[in-house]
Amino acid sequence: MELEDLQNIWIEYDKKISESTRLNKEILKRMLILKPEKRLNWIKIKAGFNLILPIALIIFLLVRVQYRPAIDFYMGVLLFGILSVLVYFWQVRYFMLIRNIDFSNSITLIKKELNEIEKYKIKITKFAYFLMPFGAAGIFMIGEIPIFSKHFILPLCLIILVMFSSIYYTFKYSIFEQFKKLNLEIDEIEQLEKR
């Protein structure tokens, strides 16, 4: 064998090794993408559930509420209705943002979209918790519940305790942990692409 034949064989093996390495990276990348895709699917399912739950709640309230011609009833309906529509609009937009994430895009674009979604989720959750007492006041006005009576002090304290516990859990664990894990999984894919 001549030197030129050996060089050709060597170049052919290099091509095969390069192609094999590229295929292995693609397979590994696809395997790594499955985890964040599953996590994002769960987030989509939760967001979809959050779109269905308010409709069920409003239907339940429409069936159970006794209409009465009083100013506090109409104020309560208006207050609760406006806040419900506003929060529902935010939830629809959040669901649409999540639904638009495509894992066939570049990792940089996916990270950017996830960062925007995380910021939006934090913002709407803060606003929703801020507006929650007003929505609850609307429900109390609709149901003629005397919130300032001595018999309602214990339930009111329990409602406030549950609300603050929910706020703590949501911001400490739920939102940040969910996106933190998703970002870590995306970082693994990004590191693979840099190699």
N, C-alpha and C. Protein backbone atom coordinates (compact mmCIF):
# COMPACT_ATOMS: atom_id res chain seq x y z
N MET A 1 0.83 -1.19 0.00
CA MET A 1 0.00 0.00 0.00
C MET A 1 0.86 1.24 0.00
N GLU A 2 0.41 2.15 -0.77
CA GLU A 2 1.17 3.38 -0.86
C GLU A 2 0.68 4.39 0.18
N LEU A 3 1.43 5.38 0.35
CA LEU A 3 1.12 6.42 1.32
C LEU A 3 -0.19 7.13 1.00
N GLU A 4 -0.45 7.33 -0.27
CA GLU A 4 -1.68 8.01 -0.68
C GLU A 4 -2.91 7.16 -0.33
N ASP A 5 -2.81 5.85 -0.50
CA ASP A 5 -3.92 4.96 -0.14
C ASP A 5 -4.18 4.99 1.36
N LEU A 6 -3.11 5.02 2.13
CA LEU A 6 -3.25 5.08 3.58
C LEU A 6 -3.90 6.40 4.01
N GLN A 7 -3.52 7.48 3.36
CA GLN A 7 -4.12 8.77 3.68
C GLN A 7 -5.62 8.78 3.34
N ASN A 8 -5.98 8.19 2.24
CA ASN A 8 -7.39 8.11 1.85
C ASN A 8 -8.20 7.28 2.86
N ILE A 9 -7.62 6.16 3.26
CA ILE A 9 -8.29 5.32 4.26
C ILE A 9 -8.44 6.09 5.57
N TRP A 10 -7.39 6.79 5.95
CA TRP A 10 -7.40 7.59 7.18
C TRP A 10 -8.49 8.67 7.11
N ILE A 11 -8.57 9.36 5.99
CA ILE A 11 -9.59 10.40 5.81
C ILE A 11 -10.99 9.79 5.86
N GLU A 12 -11.15 8.63 5.26
CA GLU A 12 -12.46 7.93 5.27
C GLU A 12 -12.86 7.57 6.70
N TYR A 13 -11.91 7.06 7.49
CA TYR A 13 -12.20 6.73 8.89
C TYR A 13 -12.54 7.98 9.70
N ASP A 14 -11.83 9.06 9.43
CA ASP A 14 -12.13 10.33 10.12
C ASP A 14 -13.55 10.78 9.83
N LYS A 15 -13.96 10.65 8.56
CA LYS A 15 -15.33 11.04 8.20
C LYS A 15 -16.35 10.18 8.92
N LYS A 16 -16.07 8.88 8.98
CA LYS A 16 -16.99 7.95 9.66
C LYS A 16 -17.07 8.26 11.15
N ILE A 17 -15.93 8.55 11.76
CA ILE A 17 -15.91 8.88 13.19
C ILE A 17 -16.64 10.19 13.44
N SER A 18 -16.42 11.17 12.58
CA SER A 18 -17.11 12.46 12.73
C SER A 18 -18.62 12.28 12.60
N GLU A 19 -19.03 11.49 11.62
CA GLU A 19 -20.47 11.25 11.42
C GLU A 19 -21.05 10.48 12.61
N SER A 20 -20.32 9.51 13.10
CA SER A 20 -20.77 8.73 14.25
C SER A 20 -20.88 9.62 15.49
N THR A 21 -19.93 10.50 15.70
CA THR A 21 -19.96 11.43 16.83
C THR A 21 -21.15 12.38 16.72
N ARG A 22 -21.38 12.88 15.51
CA ARG A 22 -22.52 13.78 15.29
C ARG A 22 -23.84 13.07 15.58
N LEU A 23 -23.97 11.83 15.10
CA LEU A 23 -25.20 11.06 15.35
C LEU A 23 -25.39 10.79 16.85
N ASN A 24 -24.30 10.45 17.52
CA ASN A 24 -24.39 10.19 18.96
C ASN A 24 -24.81 11.45 19.72
N LYS A 25 -24.29 12.59 19.30
CA LYS A 25 -24.69 13.85 19.95
C LYS A 25 -26.17 14.13 19.71
N GLU A 26 -26.63 13.88 18.50
CA GLU A 26 -28.04 14.09 18.19
C GLU A 26 -28.93 13.18 19.02
N ILE A 27 -28.54 11.93 19.15
CA ILE A 27 -29.32 10.98 19.95
C ILE A 27 -29.33 11.41 21.41
N LEU A 28 -28.17 11.78 21.92
CA LEU A 28 -28.08 12.23 23.31
C LEU A 28 -28.89 13.50 23.54
N LYS A 29 -28.82 14.42 22.57
CA LYS A 29 -29.60 15.66 22.68
C LYS A 29 -31.09 15.34 22.71
N ARG A 30 -31.52 14.43 21.86
CA ARG A 30 -32.94 14.06 21.82
C ARG A 30 -33.37 13.43 23.15
N MET A 31 -32.48 12.61 23.72
CA MET A 31 -32.80 12.00 25.02
C MET A 31 -32.88 13.06 26.12
N LEU A 32 -31.96 14.04 26.07
CA LEU A 32 -31.96 15.10 27.07
C LEU A 32 -33.17 16.03 26.91
N ILE A 33 -33.65 16.21 25.69
CA ILE A 33 -34.79 17.09 25.46
C ILE A 33 -36.08 16.47 25.99
N LEU A 34 -36.14 15.15 26.08
CA LEU A 34 -37.37 14.50 26.55
C LEU A 34 -37.76 14.94 27.96
N LYS A 35 -36.79 15.11 28.86
CA LYS A 35 -37.10 15.53 30.24
C LYS A 35 -37.76 16.91 30.30
N PRO A 36 -37.14 17.93 29.69
CA PRO A 36 -37.81 19.24 29.76
C PRO A 36 -39.14 19.26 29.00
N GLU A 37 -39.26 18.46 27.94
CA GLU A 37 -40.53 18.40 27.23
C GLU A 37 -41.63 17.84 28.13
N LYS A 38 -41.29 16.78 28.86
CA LYS A 38 -42.29 16.20 29.79
C LYS A 38 -42.65 17.21 30.89
N ARG A 39 -41.64 17.88 31.43
CA ARG A 39 -41.90 18.87 32.48
C ARG A 39 -42.77 20.00 31.94
N LEU A 40 -42.47 20.44 30.73
CA LEU A 40 -43.27 21.51 30.12
C LEU A 40 -44.69 21.04 29.83
N ASN A 41 -44.84 19.77 29.46
CA ASN A 41 -46.19 19.23 29.24
C ASN A 41 -47.00 19.25 30.53
N TRP A 42 -46.36 18.96 31.65
CA TRP A 42 -47.07 19.03 32.94
C TRP A 42 -47.46 20.48 33.25
N ILE A 43 -46.59 21.40 32.93
CA ILE A 43 -46.92 22.81 33.14
C ILE A 43 -48.10 23.20 32.25
N LYS A 44 -48.11 22.70 31.02
CA LYS A 44 -49.24 22.97 30.11
C LYS A 44 -50.54 22.38 30.67
N ILE A 45 -50.46 21.18 31.21
CA ILE A 45 -51.65 20.54 31.77
C ILE A 45 -52.18 21.36 32.95
N LYS A 46 -51.27 21.81 33.83
CA LYS A 46 -51.70 22.64 34.95
C LYS A 46 -52.31 23.95 34.47
N ALA A 47 -51.69 24.55 33.47
CA ALA A 47 -52.23 25.81 32.93
C ALA A 47 -53.59 25.57 32.28
N GLY A 48 -53.76 24.45 31.60
CA GLY A 48 -55.06 24.11 31.02
C GLY A 48 -56.11 23.87 32.10
N PHE A 49 -55.70 23.20 33.17
CA PHE A 49 -56.62 22.99 34.30
C PHE A 49 -57.03 24.32 34.91
N ASN A 50 -56.09 25.26 34.97
CA ASN A 50 -56.40 26.59 35.50
C ASN A 50 -57.32 27.38 34.58
N LEU A 51 -57.47 26.94 33.34
CA LEU A 51 -58.44 27.56 32.45
C LEU A 51 -59.83 26.96 32.62
N ILE A 52 -59.88 25.70 33.01
CA ILE A 52 -61.17 25.01 33.17
C ILE A 52 -61.78 25.27 34.54
N LEU A 53 -60.96 25.30 35.57
CA LEU A 53 -61.45 25.46 36.94
C LEU A 53 -62.28 26.72 37.16
N PRO A 54 -61.86 27.90 36.69
CA PRO A 54 -62.70 29.10 36.91
C PRO A 54 -64.07 29.00 36.25
N ILE A 55 -64.13 28.35 35.09
CA ILE A 55 -65.43 28.20 34.43
C ILE A 55 -66.35 27.34 35.28
N ALA A 56 -65.80 26.24 35.82
CA ALA A 56 -66.59 25.38 36.69
C ALA A 56 -67.03 26.12 37.95
N LEU A 57 -66.14 26.94 38.51
CA LEU A 57 -66.47 27.72 39.70
C LEU A 57 -67.58 28.72 39.41
N ILE A 58 -67.51 29.39 38.28
CA ILE A 58 -68.53 30.38 37.94
C ILE A 58 -69.87 29.70 37.68
N ILE A 59 -69.86 28.55 37.02
CA ILE A 59 -71.12 27.81 36.82
C ILE A 59 -71.70 27.40 38.16
N PHE A 60 -70.84 26.92 39.06
CA PHE A 60 -71.30 26.53 40.40
C PHE A 60 -71.92 27.73 41.12
N LEU A 61 -71.26 28.88 41.03
CA LEU A 61 -71.78 30.08 41.69
C LEU A 61 -73.09 30.54 41.06
N LEU A 62 -73.20 30.45 39.75
CA LEU A 62 -74.45 30.85 39.09
C LEU A 62 -75.63 29.99 39.52
N VAL A 63 -75.37 28.72 39.75
CA VAL A 63 -76.44 27.81 40.17
C VAL A 63 -76.80 28.04 41.64
N ARG A 64 -75.81 28.31 42.47
CA ARG A 64 -76.02 28.39 43.92
C ARG A 64 -76.44 29.76 44.44
N VAL A 65 -76.11 30.81 43.68
CA VAL A 65 -76.37 32.16 44.18
C VAL A 65 -77.85 32.51 44.06
N GLN A 66 -78.36 33.12 45.11
CA GLN A 66 -79.73 33.61 45.08
C GLN A 66 -79.68 35.10 44.75
N TYR A 67 -80.28 35.42 43.63
CA TYR A 67 -80.27 36.81 43.18
C TYR A 67 -81.18 37.65 44.07
N ARG A 68 -80.72 38.85 44.36
CA ARG A 68 -81.53 39.77 45.16
C ARG A 68 -81.26 41.19 44.69
N PRO A 69 -82.27 42.01 44.69
CA PRO A 69 -82.09 43.39 44.21
C PRO A 69 -81.52 44.30 45.30
N ALA A 70 -80.22 44.16 45.53
CA ALA A 70 -79.56 44.98 46.55
C ALA A 70 -78.26 45.52 45.97
N ILE A 71 -77.88 46.67 46.44
CA ILE A 71 -76.67 47.32 45.91
C ILE A 71 -75.42 46.51 46.23
N ASP A 72 -75.36 45.91 47.43
CA ASP A 72 -74.17 45.13 47.77
C ASP A 72 -74.05 43.87 46.90
N PHE A 73 -75.18 43.29 46.48
CA PHE A 73 -75.16 42.14 45.59
C PHE A 73 -74.57 42.53 44.24
N TYR A 74 -75.05 43.64 43.67
CA TYR A 74 -74.56 44.06 42.36
C TYR A 74 -73.09 44.50 42.43
N MET A 75 -72.71 45.15 43.53
CA MET A 75 -71.31 45.54 43.69
C MET A 75 -70.42 44.29 43.79
N GLY A 76 -70.90 43.30 44.53
CA GLY A 76 -70.14 42.06 44.67
C GLY A 76 -70.00 41.33 43.33
N VAL A 77 -71.08 41.27 42.56
CA VAL A 77 -71.02 40.63 41.24
C VAL A 77 -70.06 41.38 40.33
N LEU A 78 -70.14 42.70 40.35
CA LEU A 78 -69.26 43.51 39.52
C LEU A 78 -67.79 43.34 39.93
N LEU A 79 -67.52 43.39 41.22
CA LEU A 79 -66.16 43.26 41.72
C LEU A 79 -65.59 41.87 41.39
N PHE A 80 -66.35 40.85 41.73
CA PHE A 80 -65.88 39.48 41.47
C PHE A 80 -65.79 39.22 39.96
N GLY A 81 -66.75 39.71 39.20
CA GLY A 81 -66.76 39.48 37.75
C GLY A 81 -65.57 40.12 37.05
N ILE A 82 -65.30 41.37 37.37
CA ILE A 82 -64.18 42.07 36.73
C ILE A 82 -62.86 41.38 37.06
N LEU A 83 -62.67 41.05 38.32
CA LEU A 83 -61.41 40.40 38.71
C LEU A 83 -61.28 39.01 38.11
N SER A 84 -62.39 38.29 38.03
CA SER A 84 -62.35 36.95 37.43
C SER A 84 -61.98 37.01 35.96
N VAL A 85 -62.57 37.94 35.24
CA VAL A 85 -62.26 38.08 33.81
C VAL A 85 -60.81 38.47 33.62
N LEU A 86 -60.31 39.38 34.44
CA LEU A 86 -58.93 39.83 34.34
C LEU A 86 -57.95 38.68 34.59
N VAL A 87 -58.16 37.95 35.67
CA VAL A 87 -57.26 36.84 35.99
C VAL A 87 -57.37 35.74 34.93
N TYR A 88 -58.58 35.50 34.43
CA TYR A 88 -58.76 34.49 33.39
C TYR A 88 -58.02 34.89 32.11
N PHE A 89 -58.07 36.17 31.76
CA PHE A 89 -57.33 36.65 30.60
C PHE A 89 -55.83 36.39 30.76
N TRP A 90 -55.31 36.66 31.95
CA TRP A 90 -53.88 36.40 32.22
C TRP A 90 -53.57 34.92 32.08
N GLN A 91 -54.45 34.07 32.59
CA GLN A 91 -54.22 32.62 32.49
C GLN A 91 -54.24 32.14 31.04
N VAL A 92 -55.12 32.69 30.23
CA VAL A 92 -55.18 32.32 28.82
C VAL A 92 -53.88 32.73 28.13
N ARG A 93 -53.42 33.93 28.41
CA ARG A 93 -52.16 34.40 27.80
C ARG A 93 -50.98 33.53 28.24
N TYR A 94 -50.95 33.16 29.51
CA TYR A 94 -49.90 32.28 30.03
C TYR A 94 -49.92 30.94 29.31
N PHE A 95 -51.11 30.38 29.15
CA PHE A 95 -51.24 29.09 28.45
C PHE A 95 -50.75 29.22 27.01
N MET A 96 -51.09 30.31 26.36
CA MET A 96 -50.67 30.50 24.96
C MET A 96 -49.14 30.65 24.86
N LEU A 97 -48.53 31.31 25.83
CA LEU A 97 -47.07 31.45 25.82
C LEU A 97 -46.40 30.08 25.98
N ILE A 98 -46.93 29.28 26.89
CA ILE A 98 -46.35 27.95 27.11
C ILE A 98 -46.54 27.08 25.88
N ARG A 99 -47.71 27.16 25.29
CA ARG A 99 -48.02 26.33 24.13
C ARG A 99 -47.13 26.65 22.94
N ASN A 100 -46.62 27.86 22.87
CA ASN A 100 -45.81 28.28 21.72
C ASN A 100 -44.36 27.84 21.80
N ILE A 101 -43.94 27.25 22.90
CA ILE A 101 -42.55 26.81 23.00
C ILE A 101 -42.36 25.57 22.13
N ASP A 102 -41.34 25.64 21.29
CA ASP A 102 -41.05 24.55 20.37
C ASP A 102 -39.61 24.10 20.61
N PHE A 103 -39.45 22.84 20.96
CA PHE A 103 -38.11 22.33 21.27
C PHE A 103 -37.27 22.06 20.03
N SER A 104 -37.82 22.30 18.86
CA SER A 104 -37.00 22.19 17.65
C SER A 104 -36.24 23.49 17.39
N ASN A 105 -36.59 24.55 18.11
CA ASN A 105 -35.85 25.81 17.99
C ASN A 105 -34.50 25.70 18.67
N SER A 106 -33.70 26.73 18.53
CA SER A 106 -32.39 26.73 19.17
C SER A 106 -32.56 26.81 20.69
N ILE A 107 -31.58 26.30 21.38
CA ILE A 107 -31.61 26.28 22.84
C ILE A 107 -31.64 27.69 23.40
N THR A 108 -30.93 28.60 22.76
CA THR A 108 -30.91 29.99 23.22
C THR A 108 -32.30 30.60 23.15
N LEU A 109 -33.01 30.34 22.06
CA LEU A 109 -34.37 30.85 21.91
C LEU A 109 -35.31 30.21 22.94
N ILE A 110 -35.16 28.93 23.18
CA ILE A 110 -36.00 28.23 24.18
C ILE A 110 -35.76 28.83 25.56
N LYS A 111 -34.48 29.05 25.92
CA LYS A 111 -34.17 29.64 27.22
C LYS A 111 -34.76 31.04 27.35
N LYS A 112 -34.68 31.82 26.27
CA LYS A 112 -35.24 33.17 26.28
C LYS A 112 -36.76 33.11 26.49
N GLU A 113 -37.43 32.21 25.78
CA GLU A 113 -38.89 32.08 25.92
C GLU A 113 -39.27 31.62 27.32
N LEU A 114 -38.52 30.65 27.86
CA LEU A 114 -38.80 30.18 29.22
C LEU A 114 -38.60 31.28 30.25
N ASN A 115 -37.58 32.09 30.05
CA ASN A 115 -37.33 33.21 30.96
C ASN A 115 -38.49 34.21 30.92
N GLU A 116 -38.98 34.50 29.73
CA GLU A 116 -40.12 35.41 29.59
C GLU A 116 -41.37 34.82 30.25
N ILE A 117 -41.58 33.54 30.07
CA ILE A 117 -42.76 32.88 30.67
C ILE A 117 -42.65 32.89 32.18
N GLU A 118 -41.45 32.63 32.71
CA GLU A 118 -41.27 32.65 34.17
C GLU A 118 -41.56 34.04 34.73
N LYS A 119 -41.05 35.08 34.08
CA LYS A 119 -41.30 36.44 34.54
C LYS A 119 -42.80 36.76 34.47
N TYR A 120 -43.44 36.35 33.40
CA TYR A 120 -44.87 36.61 33.24
C TYR A 120 -45.67 35.87 34.31
N LYS A 121 -45.31 34.62 34.58
CA LYS A 121 -46.02 33.83 35.59
C LYS A 121 -45.87 34.46 36.97
N ILE A 122 -44.68 34.92 37.30
CA ILE A 122 -44.45 35.57 38.60
C ILE A 122 -45.28 36.84 38.69
N LYS A 123 -45.29 37.62 37.61
CA LYS A 123 -46.03 38.88 37.61
C LYS A 123 -47.53 38.65 37.78
N ILE A 124 -48.10 37.71 37.00
CA ILE A 124 -49.55 37.50 37.10
C ILE A 124 -49.93 36.86 38.43
N THR A 125 -49.04 36.06 38.98
CA THR A 125 -49.33 35.45 40.28
C THR A 125 -49.32 36.51 41.37
N LYS A 126 -48.38 37.44 41.31
CA LYS A 126 -48.35 38.54 42.28
C LYS A 126 -49.62 39.36 42.19
N PHE A 127 -50.01 39.73 40.98
CA PHE A 127 -51.23 40.51 40.79
C PHE A 127 -52.46 39.73 41.26
N ALA A 128 -52.50 38.44 40.97
CA ALA A 128 -53.66 37.63 41.37
C ALA A 128 -53.77 37.57 42.89
N TYR A 129 -52.64 37.39 43.58
CA TYR A 129 -52.68 37.37 45.05
C TYR A 129 -53.03 38.74 45.61
N PHE A 130 -52.58 39.78 44.96
CA PHE A 130 -52.91 41.13 45.41
C PHE A 130 -54.41 41.39 45.25
N LEU A 131 -55.00 40.89 44.17
CA LEU A 131 -56.43 41.13 43.91
C LEU A 131 -57.35 40.12 44.61
N MET A 132 -56.79 39.05 45.14
CA MET A 132 -57.60 38.01 45.77
C MET A 132 -58.50 38.52 46.90
N PRO A 133 -58.03 39.38 47.80
CA PRO A 133 -58.94 39.87 48.85
C PRO A 133 -60.15 40.62 48.29
N PHE A 134 -59.95 41.33 47.18
CA PHE A 134 -61.07 42.05 46.58
C PHE A 134 -62.08 41.07 45.96
N GLY A 135 -61.58 40.02 45.34
CA GLY A 135 -62.47 38.99 44.79
C GLY A 135 -63.23 38.29 45.90
N ALA A 136 -62.53 37.99 47.01
CA ALA A 136 -63.19 37.36 48.16
C ALA A 136 -64.24 38.30 48.75
N ALA A 137 -63.93 39.59 48.80
CA ALA A 137 -64.91 40.57 49.30
C ALA A 137 -66.15 40.57 48.39
N GLY A 138 -65.93 40.45 47.08
CA GLY A 138 -67.06 40.37 46.15
C GLY A 138 -67.93 39.15 46.42
N ILE A 139 -67.28 38.01 46.69
CA ILE A 139 -68.04 36.79 47.00
C ILE A 139 -68.81 36.96 48.31
N PHE A 140 -68.17 37.57 49.30
CA PHE A 140 -68.86 37.79 50.58
C PHE A 140 -70.05 38.73 50.41
N MET A 141 -69.90 39.72 49.54
CA MET A 141 -71.01 40.64 49.30
C MET A 141 -72.15 39.93 48.56
N ILE A 142 -71.81 39.08 47.62
CA ILE A 142 -72.84 38.33 46.88
C ILE A 142 -73.61 37.42 47.82
N GLY A 143 -72.88 36.76 48.70
CA GLY A 143 -73.51 35.79 49.60
C GLY A 143 -74.04 36.36 50.90
N GLU A 144 -73.99 37.67 51.06
CA GLU A 144 -74.42 38.35 52.29
C GLU A 144 -73.76 37.75 53.54
N ILE A 145 -72.46 37.54 53.44
CA ILE A 145 -71.71 36.98 54.56
C ILE A 145 -71.18 38.14 55.38
N PRO A 146 -71.57 38.22 56.64
CA PRO A 146 -71.13 39.35 57.49
C PRO A 146 -69.69 39.11 57.97
N ILE A 147 -68.73 39.66 57.26
CA ILE A 147 -67.32 39.38 57.60
C ILE A 147 -66.85 40.11 58.85
N PHE A 148 -67.58 41.11 59.28
CA PHE A 148 -67.15 41.85 60.47
C PHE A 148 -67.92 41.46 61.73
N SER A 149 -68.61 40.33 61.68
CA SER A 149 -69.32 39.88 62.89
C SER A 149 -68.36 39.03 63.73
N LYS A 150 -68.70 38.90 65.02
CA LYS A 150 -67.81 38.14 65.90
C LYS A 150 -67.83 36.64 65.59
N HIS A 151 -68.87 36.16 64.92
CA HIS A 151 -68.95 34.74 64.56
C HIS A 151 -68.06 34.40 63.35
N PHE A 152 -67.65 35.42 62.62
CA PHE A 152 -66.86 35.19 61.42
C PHE A 152 -65.36 35.43 61.63
N ILE A 153 -64.95 35.78 62.85
CA ILE A 153 -63.54 36.08 63.12
C ILE A 153 -62.66 34.85 62.89
N LEU A 154 -63.05 33.71 63.42
CA LEU A 154 -62.24 32.49 63.26
C LEU A 154 -62.15 32.06 61.79
N PRO A 155 -63.27 31.97 61.05
CA PRO A 155 -63.14 31.62 59.63
C PRO A 155 -62.32 32.64 58.83
N LEU A 156 -62.45 33.93 59.17
CA LEU A 156 -61.68 34.95 58.49
C LEU A 156 -60.18 34.78 58.76
N CYS A 157 -59.82 34.48 60.00
CA CYS A 157 -58.41 34.22 60.34
C CYS A 157 -57.89 32.99 59.59
N LEU A 158 -58.73 31.98 59.48
CA LEU A 158 -58.33 30.77 58.75
C LEU A 158 -58.13 31.09 57.26
N ILE A 159 -59.02 31.87 56.69
CA ILE A 159 -58.89 32.26 55.28
C ILE A 159 -57.59 33.04 55.07
N ILE A 160 -57.29 33.96 55.96
CA ILE A 160 -56.06 34.75 55.84
C ILE A 160 -54.83 33.87 55.99
N LEU A 161 -54.87 32.94 56.94
CA LEU A 161 -53.75 32.01 57.15
C LEU A 161 -53.51 31.15 55.91
N VAL A 162 -54.59 30.63 55.34
CA VAL A 162 -54.46 29.80 54.14
C VAL A 162 -53.92 30.63 52.98
N MET A 163 -54.38 31.87 52.86
CA MET A 163 -53.91 32.73 51.78
C MET A 163 -52.42 33.00 51.90
N PHE A 164 -51.95 33.35 53.11
CA PHE A 164 -50.52 33.62 53.27
C PHE A 164 -49.68 32.36 53.12
N SER A 165 -50.20 31.23 53.57
CA SER A 165 -49.48 29.96 53.36
C SER A 165 -49.37 29.66 51.87
N SER A 166 -50.44 29.91 51.15
CA SER A 166 -50.44 29.68 49.71
C SER A 166 -49.45 30.60 49.01
N ILE A 167 -49.40 31.84 49.41
CA ILE A 167 -48.45 32.79 48.82
C ILE A 167 -47.02 32.33 49.08
N TYR A 168 -46.74 31.94 50.31
CA TYR A 168 -45.40 31.49 50.66
C TYR A 168 -45.00 30.27 49.84
N TYR A 169 -45.88 29.27 49.80
CA TYR A 169 -45.57 28.04 49.07
C TYR A 169 -45.41 28.32 47.57
N THR A 170 -46.28 29.11 47.02
CA THR A 170 -46.24 29.39 45.58
C THR A 170 -44.95 30.06 45.18
N PHE A 171 -44.54 31.08 45.92
CA PHE A 171 -43.33 31.80 45.53
C PHE A 171 -42.05 31.13 46.00
N LYS A 172 -42.10 30.41 47.08
CA LYS A 172 -40.89 29.76 47.59
C LYS A 172 -40.58 28.48 46.82
N TYR A 173 -41.60 27.69 46.51
CA TYR A 173 -41.36 26.37 45.94
C TYR A 173 -41.97 26.18 44.55
N SER A 174 -43.20 26.50 44.40
CA SER A 174 -43.93 26.13 43.20
C SER A 174 -43.36 26.75 41.93
N ILE A 175 -43.40 28.04 41.82
CA ILE A 175 -43.00 28.69 40.57
C ILE A 175 -41.50 28.59 40.34
N PHE A 176 -40.71 29.01 41.33
CA PHE A 176 -39.27 29.06 41.14
C PHE A 176 -38.67 27.68 40.94
N GLU A 177 -39.11 26.70 41.72
CA GLU A 177 -38.56 25.35 41.60
C GLU A 177 -38.90 24.74 40.24
N GLN A 178 -40.12 24.95 39.82
CA GLN A 178 -40.57 24.40 38.56
C GLN A 178 -39.71 24.92 37.40
N PHE A 179 -39.49 26.22 37.35
CA PHE A 179 -38.69 26.79 36.27
C PHE A 179 -37.20 26.56 36.48
N LYS A 180 -36.78 26.44 37.73
CA LYS A 180 -35.36 26.17 38.01
C LYS A 180 -34.98 24.79 37.46
N LYS A 181 -35.81 23.80 37.71
CA LYS A 181 -35.53 22.46 37.19
C LYS A 181 -35.55 22.44 35.66
N LEU A 182 -36.50 23.14 35.09
CA LEU A 182 -36.60 23.21 33.64
C LEU A 182 -35.36 23.87 33.04
N ASN A 183 -34.90 24.95 33.66
CA ASN A 183 -33.71 25.64 33.16
C ASN A 183 -32.45 24.80 33.31
N LEU A 184 -32.36 24.02 34.40
CA LEU A 184 -31.20 23.13 34.58
C LEU A 184 -31.16 22.07 33.49
N GLU A 185 -32.32 21.53 33.14
CA GLU A 185 -32.37 20.53 32.09
C GLU A 185 -32.01 21.13 30.73
N ILE A 186 -32.44 22.35 30.50
CA ILE A 186 -32.09 23.04 29.25
C ILE A 186 -30.60 23.35 29.22
N ASP A 187 -30.01 23.69 30.37
CA ASP A 187 -28.58 23.95 30.44
C ASP A 187 -27.76 22.72 30.07
N GLU A 188 -28.23 21.53 30.46
CA GLU A 188 -27.54 20.30 30.10
C GLU A 188 -27.48 20.15 28.58
N ILE A 189 -28.58 20.46 27.91
CA ILE A 189 -28.62 20.37 26.46
C ILE A 189 -27.69 21.40 25.84
N GLU A 190 -27.67 22.59 26.41
CA GLU A 190 -26.80 23.65 25.90
C GLU A 190 -25.32 23.27 26.04
N GLN A 191 -24.98 22.65 27.15
CA GLN A 191 -23.59 22.22 27.34
C GLN A 191 -23.21 21.13 26.33
N LEU A 192 -24.16 20.27 26.02
CA LEU A 192 -23.89 19.23 25.03
C LEU A 192 -23.64 19.85 23.67
N GLU A 193 -24.39 20.88 23.31
CA GLU A 193 -24.22 21.51 22.02
C GLU A 193 -22.88 22.25 21.91
N LYS A 194 -22.37 22.73 23.04
CA LYS A 194 -21.10 23.47 23.02
C LYS A 194 -19.91 22.54 22.82
N ARG A 195 -20.08 21.27 23.10
CA ARG A 195 -18.94 20.33 22.96
C ARG A 195 -18.63 20.05 21.52
